[in-house]
Amino acid sequence: MPLISSFYGVLIYMFKEKNSPHNKPHVHAVFAGDKMSIAANGEILAGKLPRKQQKYVEAWVALREDEINASWTALNENSEVVKIKGLEG
């Protein structure tokens, strides 16, 4: 599971699809043992994070939707991991 971004203690991962597509372009956010899956369009697919960190992730997704979609395509078509800038700096 490639790490594609991190900010404020939140780690953002993206899985490569195996054999057949699953869901829509999305990322997995992890913070202190809590996990959440969120689509590139901002839809929360599963799980939850503490409120503050969830708001960070939602803001990051809103800012980076196009980059998330591009990273999803690169990973699943070419196995290329594309890093995405976080919220810090």
N, C-alpha and C. Protein backbone atom coordinates (compact mmCIF):
# COMPACT_ATOMS: atom_id res chain seq x y z
N MET A 1 0.85 -1.17 0.00
CA MET A 1 0.00 0.00 0.00
C MET A 1 0.89 1.23 0.00
N PRO A 2 1.03 1.88 -1.13
CA PRO A 2 1.92 3.04 -1.22
C PRO A 2 1.41 4.26 -0.44
N LEU A 3 2.33 4.88 0.27
CA LEU A 3 2.06 6.14 0.95
C LEU A 3 2.18 7.24 -0.10
N ILE A 4 1.11 8.01 -0.31
CA ILE A 4 1.16 9.05 -1.34
C ILE A 4 1.22 10.46 -0.75
N SER A 5 0.85 10.61 0.53
CA SER A 5 0.91 11.93 1.15
C SER A 5 0.84 11.79 2.66
N SER A 6 1.24 12.84 3.35
CA SER A 6 1.08 12.89 4.81
C SER A 6 1.06 14.35 5.24
N PHE A 7 0.31 14.63 6.29
CA PHE A 7 0.21 15.98 6.84
C PHE A 7 -0.44 15.89 8.21
N TYR A 8 0.07 16.70 9.13
CA TYR A 8 -0.47 16.80 10.50
C TYR A 8 -0.69 15.43 11.15
N GLY A 9 0.21 14.50 10.90
CA GLY A 9 0.12 13.17 11.50
C GLY A 9 -0.79 12.20 10.78
N VAL A 10 -1.45 12.66 9.73
CA VAL A 10 -2.34 11.79 8.94
C VAL A 10 -1.53 11.21 7.79
N LEU A 11 -1.64 9.91 7.61
CA LEU A 11 -0.97 9.22 6.50
C LEU A 11 -2.02 8.87 5.45
N ILE A 12 -1.70 9.15 4.19
CA ILE A 12 -2.63 8.90 3.09
C ILE A 12 -2.04 7.81 2.19
N TYR A 13 -2.79 6.74 2.01
CA TYR A 13 -2.36 5.61 1.20
C TYR A 13 -3.31 5.42 0.03
N MET A 14 -2.80 4.74 -1.01
CA MET A 14 -3.64 4.36 -2.14
C MET A 14 -3.29 2.92 -2.50
N PHE A 15 -4.30 2.09 -2.64
CA PHE A 15 -4.12 0.69 -3.01
C PHE A 15 -4.20 0.54 -4.52
N LYS A 16 -3.43 -0.39 -5.05
CA LYS A 16 -3.58 -0.76 -6.45
C LYS A 16 -4.71 -1.77 -6.53
N GLU A 17 -5.57 -1.63 -7.54
CA GLU A 17 -6.64 -2.59 -7.74
C GLU A 17 -6.05 -3.93 -8.16
N LYS A 18 -6.61 -5.00 -7.65
CA LYS A 18 -6.14 -6.32 -8.02
C LYS A 18 -7.20 -7.03 -8.85
N ASN A 19 -6.86 -7.41 -10.06
CA ASN A 19 -7.68 -8.17 -10.99
C ASN A 19 -8.90 -7.44 -11.53
N SER A 20 -9.65 -6.77 -10.68
CA SER A 20 -10.83 -6.05 -11.17
C SER A 20 -11.01 -4.76 -10.37
N PRO A 21 -11.64 -3.78 -11.00
CA PRO A 21 -11.82 -2.49 -10.32
C PRO A 21 -12.62 -2.61 -9.03
N HIS A 22 -12.25 -1.84 -8.03
CA HIS A 22 -13.05 -1.75 -6.82
C HIS A 22 -13.33 -0.28 -6.55
N ASN A 23 -14.58 -0.01 -6.33
CA ASN A 23 -14.98 1.36 -6.01
C ASN A 23 -14.51 2.37 -7.04
N LYS A 24 -14.55 3.59 -6.64
CA LYS A 24 -14.10 4.71 -7.46
C LYS A 24 -12.74 5.18 -6.95
N PRO A 25 -12.08 6.09 -7.64
CA PRO A 25 -10.80 6.59 -7.14
C PRO A 25 -10.96 7.08 -5.69
N HIS A 26 -10.13 6.54 -4.83
CA HIS A 26 -10.22 6.90 -3.41
C HIS A 26 -8.88 6.67 -2.73
N VAL A 27 -8.77 7.20 -1.52
CA VAL A 27 -7.58 7.03 -0.70
C VAL A 27 -7.99 6.51 0.67
N HIS A 28 -6.99 6.02 1.38
CA HIS A 28 -7.17 5.53 2.74
C HIS A 28 -6.37 6.44 3.66
N ALA A 29 -7.04 7.04 4.63
CA ALA A 29 -6.40 7.93 5.58
C ALA A 29 -6.27 7.20 6.92
N VAL A 30 -5.10 7.33 7.55
CA VAL A 30 -4.84 6.66 8.83
C VAL A 30 -4.28 7.69 9.81
N PHE A 31 -4.84 7.68 11.01
CA PHE A 31 -4.35 8.56 12.06
C PHE A 31 -4.51 7.83 13.39
N ALA A 32 -3.40 7.58 14.07
CA ALA A 32 -3.39 6.99 15.42
C ALA A 32 -4.30 5.76 15.53
N GLY A 33 -4.25 4.90 14.54
CA GLY A 33 -5.03 3.66 14.58
C GLY A 33 -6.43 3.77 14.00
N ASP A 34 -6.91 4.98 13.77
CA ASP A 34 -8.21 5.17 13.12
C ASP A 34 -8.01 5.21 11.62
N LYS A 35 -9.01 4.70 10.88
CA LYS A 35 -8.90 4.62 9.42
C LYS A 35 -10.17 5.11 8.76
N MET A 36 -10.00 5.69 7.59
CA MET A 36 -11.13 6.17 6.81
C MET A 36 -10.78 6.05 5.33
N SER A 37 -11.76 5.65 4.52
CA SER A 37 -11.61 5.66 3.07
C SER A 37 -12.47 6.79 2.55
N ILE A 38 -11.90 7.59 1.65
CA ILE A 38 -12.62 8.74 1.10
C ILE A 38 -12.36 8.82 -0.40
N ALA A 39 -13.44 9.01 -1.15
CA ALA A 39 -13.34 9.10 -2.61
C ALA A 39 -12.76 10.45 -3.02
N ALA A 40 -12.26 10.49 -4.24
CA ALA A 40 -11.67 11.72 -4.77
C ALA A 40 -12.69 12.85 -4.83
N ASN A 41 -13.97 12.52 -4.87
CA ASN A 41 -15.02 13.55 -4.89
C ASN A 41 -15.44 13.97 -3.48
N GLY A 42 -14.80 13.42 -2.44
CA GLY A 42 -15.09 13.81 -1.07
C GLY A 42 -16.07 12.92 -0.34
N GLU A 43 -16.63 11.94 -1.01
CA GLU A 43 -17.58 11.02 -0.38
C GLU A 43 -16.83 10.08 0.57
N ILE A 44 -17.27 10.02 1.81
CA ILE A 44 -16.66 9.10 2.77
C ILE A 44 -17.23 7.71 2.50
N LEU A 45 -16.34 6.77 2.21
CA LEU A 45 -16.76 5.42 1.83
C LEU A 45 -16.83 4.49 3.03
N ALA A 46 -15.93 4.66 4.00
CA ALA A 46 -15.92 3.77 5.16
C ALA A 46 -15.06 4.38 6.26
N GLY A 47 -15.37 4.02 7.49
CA GLY A 47 -14.56 4.42 8.63
C GLY A 47 -14.72 5.87 9.01
N LYS A 48 -13.88 6.28 9.97
CA LYS A 48 -13.87 7.68 10.38
C LYS A 48 -12.58 7.97 11.14
N LEU A 49 -12.25 9.22 11.19
CA LEU A 49 -11.09 9.71 11.92
C LEU A 49 -11.60 10.65 13.01
N PRO A 50 -10.74 11.02 13.97
CA PRO A 50 -11.15 12.07 14.89
C PRO A 50 -11.57 13.31 14.09
N ARG A 51 -12.51 14.05 14.60
CA ARG A 51 -13.13 15.17 13.86
C ARG A 51 -12.10 16.11 13.22
N LYS A 52 -11.11 16.54 13.97
CA LYS A 52 -10.12 17.49 13.46
C LYS A 52 -9.37 16.90 12.26
N GLN A 53 -8.89 15.67 12.40
CA GLN A 53 -8.14 15.03 11.32
C GLN A 53 -9.04 14.74 10.12
N GLN A 54 -10.29 14.38 10.37
CA GLN A 54 -11.21 14.14 9.26
C GLN A 54 -11.43 15.42 8.47
N LYS A 55 -11.54 16.55 9.14
CA LYS A 55 -11.69 17.83 8.45
C LYS A 55 -10.45 18.14 7.61
N TYR A 56 -9.26 17.83 8.14
CA TYR A 56 -8.02 18.01 7.36
C TYR A 56 -8.07 17.18 6.08
N VAL A 57 -8.46 15.91 6.23
CA VAL A 57 -8.50 15.02 5.06
C VAL A 57 -9.53 15.51 4.05
N GLU A 58 -10.69 15.91 4.52
CA GLU A 58 -11.72 16.41 3.61
C GLU A 58 -11.23 17.65 2.86
N ALA A 59 -10.53 18.55 3.56
CA ALA A 59 -9.98 19.75 2.91
C ALA A 59 -8.92 19.37 1.89
N TRP A 60 -8.05 18.42 2.25
CA TRP A 60 -7.00 17.96 1.34
C TRP A 60 -7.60 17.36 0.07
N VAL A 61 -8.61 16.53 0.23
CA VAL A 61 -9.26 15.90 -0.92
C VAL A 61 -9.90 16.97 -1.81
N ALA A 62 -10.56 17.95 -1.22
CA ALA A 62 -11.18 19.02 -2.00
C ALA A 62 -10.15 19.79 -2.82
N LEU A 63 -8.97 20.01 -2.23
CA LEU A 63 -7.90 20.73 -2.93
C LEU A 63 -7.19 19.88 -3.98
N ARG A 64 -7.18 18.58 -3.78
CA ARG A 64 -6.33 17.69 -4.59
C ARG A 64 -7.11 16.67 -5.43
N GLU A 65 -8.39 16.90 -5.66
CA GLU A 65 -9.21 15.92 -6.38
C GLU A 65 -8.59 15.50 -7.71
N ASP A 66 -8.16 16.46 -8.51
CA ASP A 66 -7.57 16.13 -9.82
C ASP A 66 -6.30 15.31 -9.66
N GLU A 67 -5.49 15.65 -8.68
CA GLU A 67 -4.24 14.91 -8.44
C GLU A 67 -4.52 13.50 -7.94
N ILE A 68 -5.55 13.33 -7.12
CA ILE A 68 -5.93 12.00 -6.64
C ILE A 68 -6.37 11.14 -7.82
N ASN A 69 -7.20 11.70 -8.68
CA ASN A 69 -7.64 10.95 -9.87
C ASN A 69 -6.46 10.57 -10.76
N ALA A 70 -5.53 11.49 -10.95
CA ALA A 70 -4.36 11.20 -11.79
C ALA A 70 -3.47 10.14 -11.14
N SER A 71 -3.30 10.22 -9.83
CA SER A 71 -2.50 9.24 -9.12
C SER A 71 -3.15 7.85 -9.19
N TRP A 72 -4.47 7.80 -9.06
CA TRP A 72 -5.23 6.55 -9.15
C TRP A 72 -4.99 5.90 -10.52
N THR A 73 -5.09 6.70 -11.57
CA THR A 73 -4.89 6.19 -12.92
C THR A 73 -3.46 5.70 -13.10
N ALA A 74 -2.49 6.48 -12.66
CA ALA A 74 -1.08 6.09 -12.80
C ALA A 74 -0.78 4.80 -12.06
N LEU A 75 -1.27 4.68 -10.85
CA LEU A 75 -1.00 3.49 -10.05
C LEU A 75 -1.64 2.26 -10.68
N ASN A 76 -2.87 2.38 -11.14
CA ASN A 76 -3.58 1.21 -11.64
C ASN A 76 -3.27 0.86 -13.09
N GLU A 77 -2.80 1.84 -13.87
CA GLU A 77 -2.45 1.53 -15.25
C GLU A 77 -0.97 1.24 -15.43
N ASN A 78 -0.12 1.94 -14.69
CA ASN A 78 1.32 1.83 -14.90
C ASN A 78 2.09 1.38 -13.66
N SER A 79 1.39 1.12 -12.57
CA SER A 79 2.01 0.78 -11.29
C SER A 79 2.96 1.87 -10.80
N GLU A 80 2.69 3.10 -11.22
CA GLU A 80 3.52 4.24 -10.84
C GLU A 80 2.90 4.93 -9.63
N VAL A 81 3.70 5.09 -8.59
CA VAL A 81 3.24 5.79 -7.39
C VAL A 81 3.51 7.28 -7.57
N VAL A 82 2.45 8.06 -7.49
CA VAL A 82 2.57 9.51 -7.64
C VAL A 82 2.30 10.15 -6.28
N LYS A 83 3.29 10.83 -5.75
CA LYS A 83 3.14 11.52 -4.47
C LYS A 83 2.32 12.79 -4.66
N ILE A 84 1.55 13.15 -3.65
CA ILE A 84 0.72 14.35 -3.69
C ILE A 84 1.06 15.21 -2.49
N LYS A 85 1.23 16.50 -2.72
CA LYS A 85 1.55 17.44 -1.67
C LYS A 85 0.47 17.43 -0.59
N GLY A 86 0.90 17.56 0.67
CA GLY A 86 -0.03 17.60 1.79
C GLY A 86 -0.59 18.99 1.99
N LEU A 87 -1.09 19.25 3.18
CA LEU A 87 -1.64 20.56 3.52
C LEU A 87 -0.59 21.50 4.09
N GLU A 88 0.47 20.94 4.62
CA GLU A 88 1.52 21.75 5.23
C GLU A 88 2.38 22.40 4.15
N GLY A 89 2.66 23.66 4.31
CA GLY A 89 3.60 24.38 3.42
C GLY A 89 3.28 24.19 2.02
